C-alpha atoms as a PDB file:
ATOM      1  CA  UNK A   1      25.798   3.481  -5.041  1.00  0.00           C
ATOM      2  CA  UNK A   2      25.957  -0.391  -4.965  1.00  0.00           C
ATOM      3  CA  UNK A   3      23.950  -2.986  -6.820  1.00  0.00           C
ATOM      4  CA  UNK A   4      21.806  -5.389  -4.665  1.00  0.00           C
ATOM      5  CA  UNK A   5      20.462  -8.840  -5.550  1.00  0.00           C
ATOM      6  CA  UNK A   6      17.112  -9.789  -4.393  1.00  0.00           C
ATOM      7  CA  UNK A   7      14.538 -12.628  -4.238  1.00  0.00           C
ATOM      8  CA  UNK A   8      10.852 -12.203  -4.786  1.00  0.00           C
ATOM      9  CA  UNK A   9       8.929 -14.146  -1.956  1.00  0.00           C
ATOM     10  CA  UNK A  10       5.820 -15.615  -3.277  1.00  0.00           C
ATOM     11  CA  UNK A  11       5.711 -16.004  -7.011  1.00  0.00           C
ATOM     12  CA  UNK A  12       1.923 -15.188  -7.509  1.00  0.00           C
ATOM     13  CA  UNK A  13       0.086 -12.644  -9.536  1.00  0.00           C
ATOM     14  CA  UNK A  14       1.201  -9.569  -7.851  1.00  0.00           C
ATOM     15  CA  UNK A  15       4.782 -10.626  -8.125  1.00  0.00           C
ATOM     16  CA  UNK A  16       4.648 -11.559 -11.851  1.00  0.00           C
ATOM     17  CA  UNK A  17       2.503  -8.665 -12.799  1.00  0.00           C
ATOM     18  CA  UNK A  18       3.354  -5.734 -10.721  1.00  0.00           C
ATOM     19  CA  UNK A  19       6.765  -6.336  -8.841  1.00  0.00           C
ATOM     20  CA  UNK A  20       8.910  -8.062 -11.249  1.00  0.00           C
ATOM     21  CA  UNK A  21       8.264  -5.606 -14.263  1.00  0.00           C
ATOM     22  CA  UNK A  22       9.257  -2.683 -12.028  1.00  0.00           C
ATOM     23  CA  UNK A  23      12.766  -3.968 -11.640  1.00  0.00           C
ATOM     24  CA  UNK A  24      13.372  -3.685 -15.444  1.00  0.00           C
ATOM     25  CA  UNK A  25      11.249  -0.595 -16.188  1.00  0.00           C
ATOM     26  CA  UNK A  26      13.845   1.994 -15.801  1.00  0.00           C
ATOM     27  CA  UNK A  27      17.456   1.291 -16.442  1.00  0.00           C
ATOM     28  CA  UNK A  28      18.696   3.477 -13.588  1.00  0.00           C
ATOM     29  CA  UNK A  29      16.866   1.387 -11.157  1.00  0.00           C
ATOM     30  CA  UNK A  30      17.796  -1.943 -12.527  1.00  0.00           C
ATOM     31  CA  UNK A  31      21.310  -0.904 -12.321  1.00  0.00           C
ATOM     32  CA  UNK A  32      20.827  -0.742  -8.727  1.00  0.00           C
ATOM     33  CA  UNK A  33      18.398  -3.602  -7.718  1.00  0.00           C
ATOM     34  CA  UNK A  34      17.899  -6.810  -9.554  1.00  0.00           C
ATOM     35  CA  UNK A  35      15.696  -9.972  -8.939  1.00  0.00           C
ATOM     36  CA  UNK A  36      17.910 -13.314  -9.479  1.00  0.00           C
ATOM     37  CA  UNK A  37      15.166 -15.679  -8.130  1.00  0.00           C
ATOM     38  CA  UNK A  38      12.158 -16.451  -6.137  1.00  0.00           C
ATOM     39  CA  UNK A  39      10.970 -18.223  -3.003  1.00  0.00           C
ATOM     40  CA  UNK A  40       7.826 -20.119  -3.145  1.00  0.00           C
ATOM     41  CA  UNK A  41       6.901 -23.424  -1.412  1.00  0.00           C
ATOM     42  CA  UNK A  42       4.275 -24.676  -3.948  1.00  0.00           C
ATOM     43  CA  UNK A  43       4.722 -27.970  -5.585  1.00  0.00           C
ATOM     44  CA  UNK A  44       5.140 -28.307  -8.220  1.00  0.00           C
ATOM     45  CA  UNK A  45       7.601 -25.408  -8.356  1.00  0.00           C
ATOM     46  CA  UNK A  46       6.016 -22.381 -10.375  1.00  0.00           C
ATOM     47  CA  UNK A  47       7.981 -21.011 -13.272  1.00  0.00           C
ATOM     48  CA  UNK A  48       9.167 -17.540 -12.663  1.00  0.00           C
ATOM     49  CA  UNK A  49      10.405 -16.510 -15.879  1.00  0.00           C
ATOM     50  CA  UNK A  50      13.409 -18.913 -16.051  1.00  0.00           C
ATOM     51  CA  UNK A  51      14.816 -17.856 -12.681  1.00  0.00           C
ATOM     52  CA  UNK A  52      15.488 -20.452 -10.053  1.00  0.00           C
ATOM     53  CA  UNK A  53      12.762 -20.704  -7.401  1.00  0.00           C
ATOM     54  CA  UNK A  54      13.734 -21.875  -3.863  1.00  0.00           C
ATOM     55  CA  UNK A  55      11.180 -23.729  -1.460  1.00  0.00           C
ATOM     56  CA  UNK A  56      12.110 -21.604   1.355  1.00  0.00           C
ATOM     57  CA  UNK A  57      14.322 -18.698   2.642  1.00  0.00           C
ATOM     58  CA  UNK A  58      16.364 -21.453   4.600  1.00  0.00           C
ATOM     59  CA  UNK A  59      17.754 -22.785   1.223  1.00  0.00           C
ATOM     60  CA  UNK A  60      18.665 -19.716  -0.557  1.00  0.00           C
ATOM     61  CA  UNK A  61      22.268 -19.052  -1.957  1.00  0.00           C
ATOM     62  CA  UNK A  62      24.940 -16.748  -0.839  1.00  0.00           C
ATOM     63  CA  UNK A  63      25.134 -13.272  -2.474  1.00  0.00           C
ATOM     64  CA  UNK A  64      21.401 -12.173  -1.853  1.00  0.00           C
ATOM     65  CA  UNK A  65      20.993  -8.847  -0.448  1.00  0.00           C
ATOM     66  CA  UNK A  66      17.172  -8.261   0.133  1.00  0.00           C
ATOM     67  CA  UNK A  67      13.939  -9.853  -0.316  1.00  0.00           C
ATOM     68  CA  UNK A  68      10.652  -8.340  -1.943  1.00  0.00           C
ATOM     69  CA  UNK A  69       7.760  -9.946  -0.052  1.00  0.00           C
ATOM     70  CA  UNK A  70       4.686 -10.530  -2.029  1.00  0.00           C
ATOM     71  CA  UNK A  71       2.710 -13.051  -0.074  1.00  0.00           C
ATOM     72  CA  UNK A  72      -0.791 -12.690   1.522  1.00  0.00           C
ATOM     73  CA  UNK A  73      -0.917 -10.265   4.562  1.00  0.00           C
ATOM     74  CA  UNK A  74      -1.002 -13.074   7.235  1.00  0.00           C
ATOM     75  CA  UNK A  75       2.448 -14.224   6.346  1.00  0.00           C
ATOM     76  CA  UNK A  76       4.142 -10.895   6.364  1.00  0.00           C
ATOM     77  CA  UNK A  77       5.277 -10.823  10.062  1.00  0.00           C
ATOM     78  CA  UNK A  78       6.847 -14.391   9.956  1.00  0.00           C
ATOM     79  CA  UNK A  79       8.532 -13.696   6.813  1.00  0.00           C
ATOM     80  CA  UNK A  80      10.012 -10.117   7.720  1.00  0.00           C
ATOM     81  CA  UNK A  81      11.362 -11.641  10.825  1.00  0.00           C
ATOM     82  CA  UNK A  82      12.992 -14.565   9.098  1.00  0.00           C
ATOM     83  CA  UNK A  83      14.373 -12.418   6.563  1.00  0.00           C
ATOM     84  CA  UNK A  84      15.993  -9.770   8.932  1.00  0.00           C
ATOM     85  CA  UNK A  85      17.238 -12.579  11.133  1.00  0.00           C
ATOM     86  CA  UNK A  86      19.247 -13.839   7.954  1.00  0.00           C
ATOM     87  CA  UNK A  87      20.664 -10.339   7.400  1.00  0.00           C
ATOM     88  CA  UNK A  88      18.411  -9.419   4.382  1.00  0.00           C
ATOM     89  CA  UNK A  89      16.968  -6.045   3.758  1.00  0.00           C
ATOM     90  CA  UNK A  90      13.137  -6.314   3.454  1.00  0.00           C
ATOM     91  CA  UNK A  91      10.688  -4.698   0.910  1.00  0.00           C
ATOM     92  CA  UNK A  92       7.336  -5.788   1.626  1.00  0.00           C
ATOM     93  CA  UNK A  93       3.863  -5.456   0.170  1.00  0.00           C
ATOM     94  CA  UNK A  94       1.060  -3.464   2.139  1.00  0.00           C
ATOM     95  CA  UNK A  95       0.097  -3.784   4.883  1.00  0.00           C
ATOM     96  CA  UNK A  96       3.481  -4.661   6.487  1.00  0.00           C
ATOM     97  CA  UNK A  97       1.807  -4.723   9.935  1.00  0.00           C
ATOM     98  CA  UNK A  98      -1.928  -4.311  10.927  1.00  0.00           C
ATOM     99  CA  UNK A  99      -1.430  -3.401  14.746  1.00  0.00           C
ATOM    100  CA  UNK A 100       1.036  -1.131  16.268  1.00  0.00           C
ATOM    101  CA  UNK A 101       2.519  -3.983  18.489  1.00  0.00           C
ATOM    102  CA  UNK A 102       3.570  -5.922  15.311  1.00  0.00           C
ATOM    103  CA  UNK A 103       4.908  -2.936  13.620  1.00  0.00           C
ATOM    104  CA  UNK A 104       7.121  -2.023  16.533  1.00  0.00           C
ATOM    105  CA  UNK A 105       8.358  -5.567  16.849  1.00  0.00           C
ATOM    106  CA  UNK A 106       9.244  -5.554  13.197  1.00  0.00           C
ATOM    107  CA  UNK A 107      10.999  -2.155  13.673  1.00  0.00           C
ATOM    108  CA  UNK A 108      13.046  -3.454  16.459  1.00  0.00           C
ATOM    109  CA  UNK A 109      14.167  -6.451  14.580  1.00  0.00           C
ATOM    110  CA  UNK A 110      15.277  -4.222  11.772  1.00  0.00           C
ATOM    111  CA  UNK A 111      17.148  -2.061  14.084  1.00  0.00           C
ATOM    112  CA  UNK A 112      18.744  -5.140  15.966  1.00  0.00           C
ATOM    113  CA  UNK A 113      19.735  -6.600  12.435  1.00  0.00           C
ATOM    114  CA  UNK A 114      20.779  -3.070  11.073  1.00  0.00           C
ATOM    115  CA  UNK A 115      18.697  -3.826   7.951  1.00  0.00           C
ATOM    116  CA  UNK A 116      16.343  -1.776   5.968  1.00  0.00           C
ATOM    117  CA  UNK A 117      12.568  -2.462   6.214  1.00  0.00           C
ATOM    118  CA  UNK A 118      10.583  -0.715   3.497  1.00  0.00           C
ATOM    119  CA  UNK A 119       6.880  -0.717   2.662  1.00  0.00           C
ATOM    120  CA  UNK A 120       5.582  -1.099  -0.735  1.00  0.00           C
ATOM    121  CA  UNK A 121       3.449   2.278  -0.683  1.00  0.00           C
ATOM    122  CA  UNK A 122       3.468   2.897  -4.534  1.00  0.00           C
ATOM    123  CA  UNK A 123       0.341   4.937  -4.867  1.00  0.00           C
ATOM    124  CA  UNK A 124       2.010   8.105  -3.778  1.00  0.00           C
ATOM    125  CA  UNK A 125       3.806   7.988  -6.973  1.00  0.00           C
ATOM    126  CA  UNK A 126       0.579   8.023  -8.922  1.00  0.00           C
ATOM    127  CA  UNK A 127       1.009  10.865 -11.255  1.00  0.00           C
ATOM    128  CA  UNK A 128      -2.727  12.224 -10.698  1.00  0.00           C
ATOM    129  CA  UNK A 129      -2.157  12.027  -6.859  1.00  0.00           C
ATOM    130  CA  UNK A 130       1.214  14.000  -7.342  1.00  0.00           C
ATOM    131  CA  UNK A 131      -0.545  16.731  -9.166  1.00  0.00           C
ATOM    132  CA  UNK A 132      -3.340  16.790  -6.456  1.00  0.00           C
ATOM    133  CA  UNK A 133      -0.930  17.204  -3.872  1.00  0.00           C
ATOM    134  CA  UNK A 134       0.875  20.027  -5.743  1.00  0.00           C
ATOM    135  CA  UNK A 135      -2.623  21.803  -5.937  1.00  0.00           C
ATOM    136  CA  UNK A 136      -2.845  21.366  -2.039  1.00  0.00           C
ATOM    137  CA  UNK A 137       0.688  22.475  -1.551  1.00  0.00           C
ATOM    138  CA  UNK A 138       0.286  25.472  -3.757  1.00  0.00           C
ATOM    139  CA  UNK A 139      -2.560  26.863  -1.554  1.00  0.00           C
ATOM    140  CA  UNK A 140      -4.769  27.766  -4.384  1.00  0.00           C
ATOM    141  CA  UNK A 141      -7.785  26.117  -2.739  1.00  0.00           C
ATOM    142  CA  UNK A 142      -6.834  27.414   0.767  1.00  0.00           C
ATOM    143  CA  UNK A 143      -6.500  25.363   3.862  1.00  0.00           C
ATOM    144  CA  UNK A 144      -8.490  22.200   3.326  1.00  0.00           C
ATOM    145  CA  UNK A 145     -11.070  21.102   5.739  1.00  0.00           C
ATOM    146  CA  UNK A 146     -12.838  18.146   4.120  1.00  0.00           C
ATOM    147  CA  UNK A 147     -11.227  15.284   2.211  1.00  0.00           C
ATOM    148  CA  UNK A 148     -13.393  12.419   0.623  1.00  0.00           C
ATOM    149  CA  UNK A 149     -12.017   9.175  -0.753  1.00  0.00           C
ATOM    150  CA  UNK A 150     -14.328   6.646  -2.550  1.00  0.00           C
ATOM    151  CA  UNK A 151     -13.138   3.359  -4.016  1.00  0.00           C
ATOM    152  CA  UNK A 152     -15.738   0.962  -5.507  1.00  0.00           C
ATOM    153  CA  UNK A 153     -14.984  -2.569  -6.803  1.00  0.00           C
ATOM    154  CA  UNK A 154     -17.384  -5.468  -7.565  1.00  0.00           C
ATOM    155  CA  UNK A 155     -15.318  -7.859  -5.609  1.00  0.00           C
ATOM    156  CA  UNK A 156     -11.789  -8.510  -4.054  1.00  0.00           C
ATOM    157  CA  UNK A 157      -9.059  -8.954  -6.618  1.00  0.00           C
ATOM    158  CA  UNK A 158      -8.893 -12.671  -7.429  1.00  0.00           C
ATOM    159  CA  UNK A 159      -5.336 -12.702  -8.342  1.00  0.00           C
ATOM    160  CA  UNK A 160      -4.662 -16.195  -9.949  1.00  0.00           C
ATOM    161  CA  UNK A 161      -7.690 -17.773  -8.479  1.00  0.00           C
ATOM    162  CA  UNK A 162     -10.499 -18.149 -11.160  1.00  0.00           C
ATOM    163  CA  UNK A 163     -13.171 -19.660  -8.960  1.00  0.00           C
ATOM    164  CA  UNK A 164     -14.151 -19.877  -5.264  1.00  0.00           C
ATOM    165  CA  UNK A 165     -13.243 -17.133  -2.661  1.00  0.00           C
ATOM    166  CA  UNK A 166     -10.288 -15.160  -3.251  1.00  0.00           C
ATOM    167  CA  UNK A 167      -7.708 -15.036  -0.730  1.00  0.00           C
ATOM    168  CA  UNK A 168      -8.263 -11.438  -0.059  1.00  0.00           C
ATOM    169  CA  UNK A 169     -11.724 -12.524   1.193  1.00  0.00           C
ATOM    170  CA  UNK A 170     -10.618 -14.817   3.801  1.00  0.00           C
ATOM    171  CA  UNK A 171      -9.410 -13.876   7.202  1.00  0.00           C
ATOM    172  CA  UNK A 172      -7.005 -16.685   7.377  1.00  0.00           C
ATOM    173  CA  UNK A 173      -4.938 -15.200   4.517  1.00  0.00           C
ATOM    174  CA  UNK A 174      -5.661 -11.645   4.497  1.00  0.00           C
ATOM    175  CA  UNK A 175      -6.343 -10.884   8.226  1.00  0.00           C
ATOM    176  CA  UNK A 176      -8.903  -8.144   7.031  1.00  0.00           C
ATOM    177  CA  UNK A 177     -10.848  -7.023   3.897  1.00  0.00           C
ATOM    178  CA  UNK A 178     -11.236  -3.944   1.873  1.00  0.00           C
ATOM    179  CA  UNK A 179      -9.927  -1.871   4.729  1.00  0.00           C
ATOM    180  CA  UNK A 180      -6.519  -3.585   4.793  1.00  0.00           C
ATOM    181  CA  UNK A 181      -6.486  -4.028   0.835  1.00  0.00           C
ATOM    182  CA  UNK A 182      -7.432  -0.645  -0.535  1.00  0.00           C
ATOM    183  CA  UNK A 183      -7.611   1.455   2.697  1.00  0.00           C
ATOM    184  CA  UNK A 184      -3.889   1.056   3.460  1.00  0.00           C
ATOM    185  CA  UNK A 185      -3.227   3.152   0.312  1.00  0.00           C
ATOM    186  CA  UNK A 186      -5.584   5.734   1.154  1.00  0.00           C
ATOM    187  CA  UNK A 187      -4.491   5.990   4.754  1.00  0.00           C
ATOM    188  CA  UNK A 188      -0.750   6.734   3.701  1.00  0.00           C
ATOM    189  CA  UNK A 189      -1.844   9.283   1.264  1.00  0.00           C
ATOM    190  CA  UNK A 190      -3.759  10.958   4.050  1.00  0.00           C
ATOM    191  CA  UNK A 191      -0.687  10.876   6.245  1.00  0.00           C
ATOM    192  CA  UNK A 192       1.101  12.648   3.537  1.00  0.00           C
ATOM    193  CA  UNK A 193      -1.306  15.595   3.428  1.00  0.00           C
ATOM    194  CA  UNK A 194      -2.701  15.779   7.095  1.00  0.00           C
ATOM    195  CA  UNK A 195      -0.576  13.662   9.255  1.00  0.00           C
ATOM    196  CA  UNK A 196      -1.977  11.509  12.275  1.00  0.00           C
ATOM    197  CA  UNK A 197      -5.740  12.432  12.860  1.00  0.00           C
ATOM    198  CA  UNK A 198      -7.048  12.984  16.572  1.00  0.00           C
ATOM    199  CA  UNK A 199      -9.600  10.073  16.377  1.00  0.00           C
ATOM    200  CA  UNK A 200     -10.783   7.224  14.149  1.00  0.00           C
ATOM    201  CA  UNK A 201     -14.456   5.995  13.809  1.00  0.00           C
ATOM    202  CA  UNK A 202     -15.358   3.246  11.565  1.00  0.00           C
ATOM    203  CA  UNK A 203     -18.209   0.966  10.397  1.00  0.00           C
ATOM    204  CA  UNK A 204     -17.495  -2.394   8.552  1.00  0.00           C
ATOM    205  CA  UNK A 205     -19.745  -4.772   7.127  1.00  0.00           C
ATOM    206  CA  UNK A 206     -20.189  -7.869   4.660  1.00  0.00           C
ATOM    207  CA  UNK A 207     -22.914  -6.189   2.217  1.00  0.00           C
ATOM    208  CA  UNK A 208     -22.238  -8.259  -1.036  1.00  0.00           C
ATOM    209  CA  UNK A 209     -20.165 -11.180  -0.494  1.00  0.00           C
ATOM    210  CA  UNK A 210     -21.725 -13.641   2.078  1.00  0.00           C
ATOM    211  CA  UNK A 211     -18.895 -16.072   1.352  1.00  0.00           C
ATOM    212  CA  UNK A 212     -16.197 -13.445   2.517  1.00  0.00           C
ATOM    213  CA  UNK A 213     -15.296 -13.773   6.151  1.00  0.00           C
ATOM    214  CA  UNK A 214     -13.777 -10.165   6.153  1.00  0.00           C
ATOM    215  CA  UNK A 215     -15.424  -6.927   5.433  1.00  0.00           C
ATOM    216  CA  UNK A 216     -16.410  -6.124   1.884  1.00  0.00           C
ATOM    217  CA  UNK A 217     -17.355  -2.528   2.930  1.00  0.00           C
ATOM    218  CA  UNK A 218     -15.648   0.035   5.193  1.00  0.00           C
ATOM    219  CA  UNK A 219     -16.745   3.580   6.117  1.00  0.00           C
ATOM    220  CA  UNK A 220     -14.207   5.542   8.033  1.00  0.00           C
ATOM    221  CA  UNK A 221     -14.113   8.892   9.642  1.00  0.00           C
ATOM    222  CA  UNK A 222     -10.731  10.678  10.569  1.00  0.00           C
ATOM    223  CA  UNK A 223     -11.049  13.799  12.749  1.00  0.00           C
ATOM    224  CA  UNK A 224      -8.234  16.158  12.479  1.00  0.00           C
ATOM    225  CA  UNK A 225      -9.700  18.825  14.659  1.00  0.00           C
ATOM    226  CA  UNK A 226     -11.350  21.597  12.241  1.00  0.00           C
ATOM    227  CA  UNK A 227     -10.774  19.162   9.284  1.00  0.00           C
ATOM    228  CA  UNK A 228     -12.264  15.814   8.594  1.00  0.00           C
ATOM    229  CA  UNK A 229     -11.442  12.922   6.224  1.00  0.00           C
ATOM    230  CA  UNK A 230     -14.025  10.299   5.229  1.00  0.00           C
ATOM    231  CA  UNK A 231     -13.282   7.077   3.381  1.00  0.00           C
ATOM    232  CA  UNK A 232     -15.679   4.707   1.823  1.00  0.00           C
ATOM    233  CA  UNK A 233     -14.349   1.565   0.457  1.00  0.00           C
ATOM    234  CA  UNK A 234     -16.371  -1.356  -1.001  1.00  0.00           C
ATOM    235  CA  UNK A 235     -16.003  -4.677  -2.856  1.00  0.00           C
ATOM    236  CA  UNK A 236     -19.846  -4.649  -3.145  1.00  0.00           C
ATOM    237  CA  UNK A 237     -20.164  -2.068  -5.979  1.00  0.00           C
ATOM    238  CA  UNK A 238     -21.618  -2.370  -9.338  1.00  0.00           C
ATOM    239  CA  UNK A 239     -18.530  -1.092 -11.180  1.00  0.00           C
ATOM    240  CA  UNK A 240     -14.964   0.030 -10.844  1.00  0.00           C
ATOM    241  CA  UNK A 241     -14.744   3.615  -9.748  1.00  0.00           C
ATOM    242  CA  UNK A 242     -12.216   5.814  -7.819  1.00  0.00           C
ATOM    243  CA  UNK A 243     -13.068   9.371  -6.529  1.00  0.00           C
ATOM    244  CA  UNK A 244     -10.927  11.605  -4.430  1.00  0.00           C
ATOM    245  CA  UNK A 245     -12.059  15.273  -3.270  1.00  0.00           C
ATOM    246  CA  UNK A 246     -10.485  17.803  -1.088  1.00  0.00           C
ATOM    247  CA  UNK A 247     -12.582  21.111  -0.170  1.00  0.00           C
ATOM    248  CA  UNK A 248     -10.907  24.131   1.066  1.00  0.00           C
ATOM    249  CA  UNK A 249     -11.713  27.532   1.904  1.00  0.00           C
ATOM    250  CA  UNK A 250     -10.764  28.882  -1.447  1.00  0.00           C
ATOM    251  CA  UNK A 251     -11.852  26.138  -3.808  1.00  0.00           C
ATOM    252  CA  UNK A 252     -11.928  22.542  -4.464  1.00  0.00           C
ATOM    253  CA  UNK A 253      -9.718  19.819  -6.209  1.00  0.00           C
ATOM    254  CA  UNK A 254     -11.154  16.573  -7.282  1.00  0.00           C
ATOM    255  CA  UNK A 255      -9.874  13.290  -9.082  1.00  0.00           C
ATOM    256  CA  UNK A 256     -12.455  11.296 -10.803  1.00  0.00           C
ATOM    257  CA  UNK A 257     -11.490   8.458 -13.083  1.00  0.00           C
ATOM    258  CA  UNK A 258      -8.593   9.721 -15.361  1.00  0.00           C
ATOM    259  CA  UNK A 259      -9.607  13.592 -14.752  1.00  0.00           C
ATOM    260  CA  UNK A 260      -8.065  16.019 -12.087  1.00  0.00           C
ATOM    261  CA  UNK A 261     -10.427  19.061 -11.840  1.00  0.00           C
ATOM    262  CA  UNK A 262      -9.664  22.227  -9.879  1.00  0.00           C
ATOM    263  CA  UNK A 263     -12.444  24.708  -9.026  1.00  0.00           C
ATOM    264  CA  UNK A 264     -11.378  28.018  -7.370  1.00  0.00           C
ATOM    265  CA  UNK A 265     -13.730  30.304  -5.412  1.00  0.00           C
ATOM    266  CA  UNK A 266     -12.557  33.285  -7.736  1.00  0.00           C
ATOM    267  CA  UNK A 267     -14.414  31.315 -10.668  1.00  0.00           C
ATOM    268  CA  UNK A 268     -11.291  29.738 -12.136  1.00  0.00           C
ATOM    269  CA  UNK A 269     -11.466  26.102 -13.247  1.00  0.00           C
ATOM    270  CA  UNK A 270      -9.060  23.972 -14.810  1.00  0.00           C
ATOM    271  CA  UNK A 271      -9.159  20.058 -15.853  1.00  0.00           C
ATOM    272  CA  UNK A 272      -6.308  17.853 -16.562  1.00  0.00           C
ATOM    273  CA  UNK A 273      -6.543  14.399 -18.285  1.00  0.00           C
ATOM    274  CA  UNK A 274      -4.393  11.812 -16.682  1.00  0.00           C
ATOM    275  CA  UNK A 275      -6.018   8.822 -18.401  1.00  0.00           C
ATOM    276  CA  UNK A 276      -2.932   7.788 -20.267  1.00  0.00           C
ATOM    277  CA  UNK A 277      -0.830   7.941 -17.117  1.00  0.00           C
ATOM    278  CA  UNK A 278      -3.120   5.866 -15.139  1.00  0.00           C
ATOM    279  CA  UNK A 279      -3.089   2.821 -17.606  1.00  0.00           C
ATOM    280  CA  UNK A 280      -2.054  -0.592 -15.741  1.00  0.00           C
ATOM    281  CA  UNK A 281       1.067  -0.499 -18.255  1.00  0.00           C
ATOM    282  CA  UNK A 282       2.278   2.661 -16.238  1.00  0.00           C
ATOM    283  CA  UNK A 283       2.115   0.836 -12.875  1.00  0.00           C
ATOM    284  CA  UNK A 284       5.509  -0.675 -13.381  1.00  0.00           C
ATOM    285  CA  UNK A 285       6.791   3.076 -13.361  1.00  0.00           C
ATOM    286  CA  UNK A 286       5.347   3.936  -9.758  1.00  0.00           C
ATOM    287  CA  UNK A 287       6.724   0.707  -8.418  1.00  0.00           C
ATOM    288  CA  UNK A 288      10.275   1.397  -9.955  1.00  0.00           C
ATOM    289  CA  UNK A 289      10.200   4.834  -8.243  1.00  0.00           C
ATOM    290  CA  UNK A 290       9.668   3.169  -4.886  1.00  0.00           C
ATOM    291  CA  UNK A 291      12.288   0.607  -5.436  1.00  0.00           C
ATOM    292  CA  UNK A 292      14.755   3.435  -6.134  1.00  0.00           C
ATOM    293  CA  UNK A 293      13.833   4.859  -2.492  1.00  0.00           C
ATOM    294  CA  UNK A 294      14.497   1.458  -1.265  1.00  0.00           C
ATOM    295  CA  UNK A 295      17.912   1.207  -2.676  1.00  0.00           C
ATOM    296  CA  UNK A 296      18.712   4.746  -1.443  1.00  0.00           C
ATOM    297  CA  UNK A 297      17.720   3.551   2.179  1.00  0.00           C
ATOM    298  CA  UNK A 298      20.172   0.595   1.830  1.00  0.00           C
ATOM    299  CA  UNK A 299      22.935   2.930   0.549  1.00  0.00           C
ATOM    300  CA  UNK A 300      22.425   5.320   3.361  1.00  0.00           C
ATOM    301  CA  UNK A 301      21.887   2.564   5.952  1.00  0.00           C
ATOM    302  CA  UNK A 302      18.639   3.502   7.423  1.00  0.00           C
ATOM    303  CA  UNK A 303      14.759   3.492   6.984  1.00  0.00           C
ATOM    304  CA  UNK A 304      13.488   5.220   9.926  1.00  0.00           C
ATOM    305  CA  UNK A 305      10.942   7.247   8.207  1.00  0.00           C
ATOM    306  CA  UNK A 306       9.717   4.430   6.357  1.00  0.00           C
ATOM    307  CA  UNK A 307       9.370   2.145   9.544  1.00  0.00           C
ATOM    308  CA  UNK A 308       7.703   4.929  11.392  1.00  0.00           C
ATOM    309  CA  UNK A 309       5.171   5.024   8.525  1.00  0.00           C
ATOM    310  CA  UNK A 310       4.483   1.304   8.912  1.00  0.00           C
ATOM    311  CA  UNK A 311       3.825   2.016  12.553  1.00  0.00           C
ATOM    312  CA  UNK A 312       1.322   4.813  11.696  1.00  0.00           C
ATOM    313  CA  UNK A 313      -0.522   2.852   9.136  1.00  0.00           C
ATOM    314  CA  UNK A 314      -0.960   0.009  11.460  1.00  0.00           C
ATOM    315  CA  UNK A 315      -1.913   2.471  14.346  1.00  0.00           C
ATOM    316  CA  UNK A 316      -4.809   3.596  11.939  1.00  0.00           C
ATOM    317  CA  UNK A 317      -5.837   0.288  10.821  1.00  0.00           C
ATOM    318  CA  UNK A 318      -6.064  -1.095  14.328  1.00  0.00           C
ATOM    319  CA  UNK A 319      -7.944   1.918  15.450  1.00  0.00           C
ATOM    320  CA  UNK A 320     -10.473   1.363  12.780  1.00  0.00           C
ATOM    321  CA  UNK A 321     -11.004  -2.168  13.515  1.00  0.00           C
ATOM    322  CA  UNK A 322     -11.354  -1.428  17.225  1.00  0.00           C
ATOM    323  CA  UNK A 323     -13.750   1.368  16.490  1.00  0.00           C
ATOM    324  CA  UNK A 324     -16.011  -0.878  14.370  1.00  0.00           C
ATOM    325  CA  UNK A 325     -16.016  -3.710  17.113  1.00  0.00           C
ATOM    326  CA  UNK A 326     -16.707  -1.181  19.987  1.00  0.00           C
ATOM    327  CA  UNK A 327     -19.078   1.224  18.167  1.00  0.00           C
ATOM    328  CA  UNK A 328     -17.188   4.150  19.280  1.00  0.00           C
ATOM    329  CA  UNK A 329     -14.368   6.492  18.053  1.00  0.00           C
ATOM    330  CA  UNK A 330     -10.916   5.581  18.975  1.00  0.00           C
ATOM    331  CA  UNK A 331      -8.500   8.432  20.169  1.00  0.00           C
ATOM    332  CA  UNK A 332      -5.081   8.495  18.448  1.00  0.00           C
ATOM    333  CA  UNK A 333      -2.447   9.184  21.028  1.00  0.00           C
END
């Protein structure tokens, strides 16, 4: 295993609070990947923990192996292509691509450059989700036929912007709204347990934030054939809340807040408290494990599975937006 030096592109809140701490959270990971600077075009140059900050990828020093892209969604395509063209491996915030056409373009560029392209899909490292998956894999609730995901927030994450419209609420920067921001996480989690659905139906709307020009609420129905997943995501809620439930022919498992509850049709019931493991202070550990997988991909010279997942997520996002625009379900080929 080699040691890889990288730069974080975009020295904003997500870089400082989520990504940068992950590189030092686990000594086994920090021995393999290290951040030695940042790239940010803002003037004056933002302080980034005493590390050097470069105005563009065009002026970075030699000896850089990868970039970690933490910029708004609209910039991802251009930055990924620029980094790959410079011979750099790429770790990129979600969603890496929002259409299958762009996903295929990025995959082709990664192959041509013989470099790794890896998405920041850290939610699958969430300990409550890992426990929920273990319940599904064990067969204790039988074959699941209904999955329900609910995410409620009062507004889009503001990041470092105290007033005005957050960048996540603008199409210019974010390309889309709550579906891209939160929905991406739920879609790759569903891919883990259900694969690609047969069709996607969606309704998108602006219900609580007229100043946004992207959806603040999304309702999705993913039809797998004899099993269905529904997603409700909103920035127009009154309080922060997360709920996930899978119903099977032998019981039910649900994750509400910090508790994971399993109810079996034979009368058995268990509840496990994950509150401590879900504190924000634990997020760096989730990200750190994904960085370990990124380093593994560089070591082994390939990221085919990661690139395929980027395209699958982009396909579902694109289908949802087309469904909402056309008022019909979109078949997934």
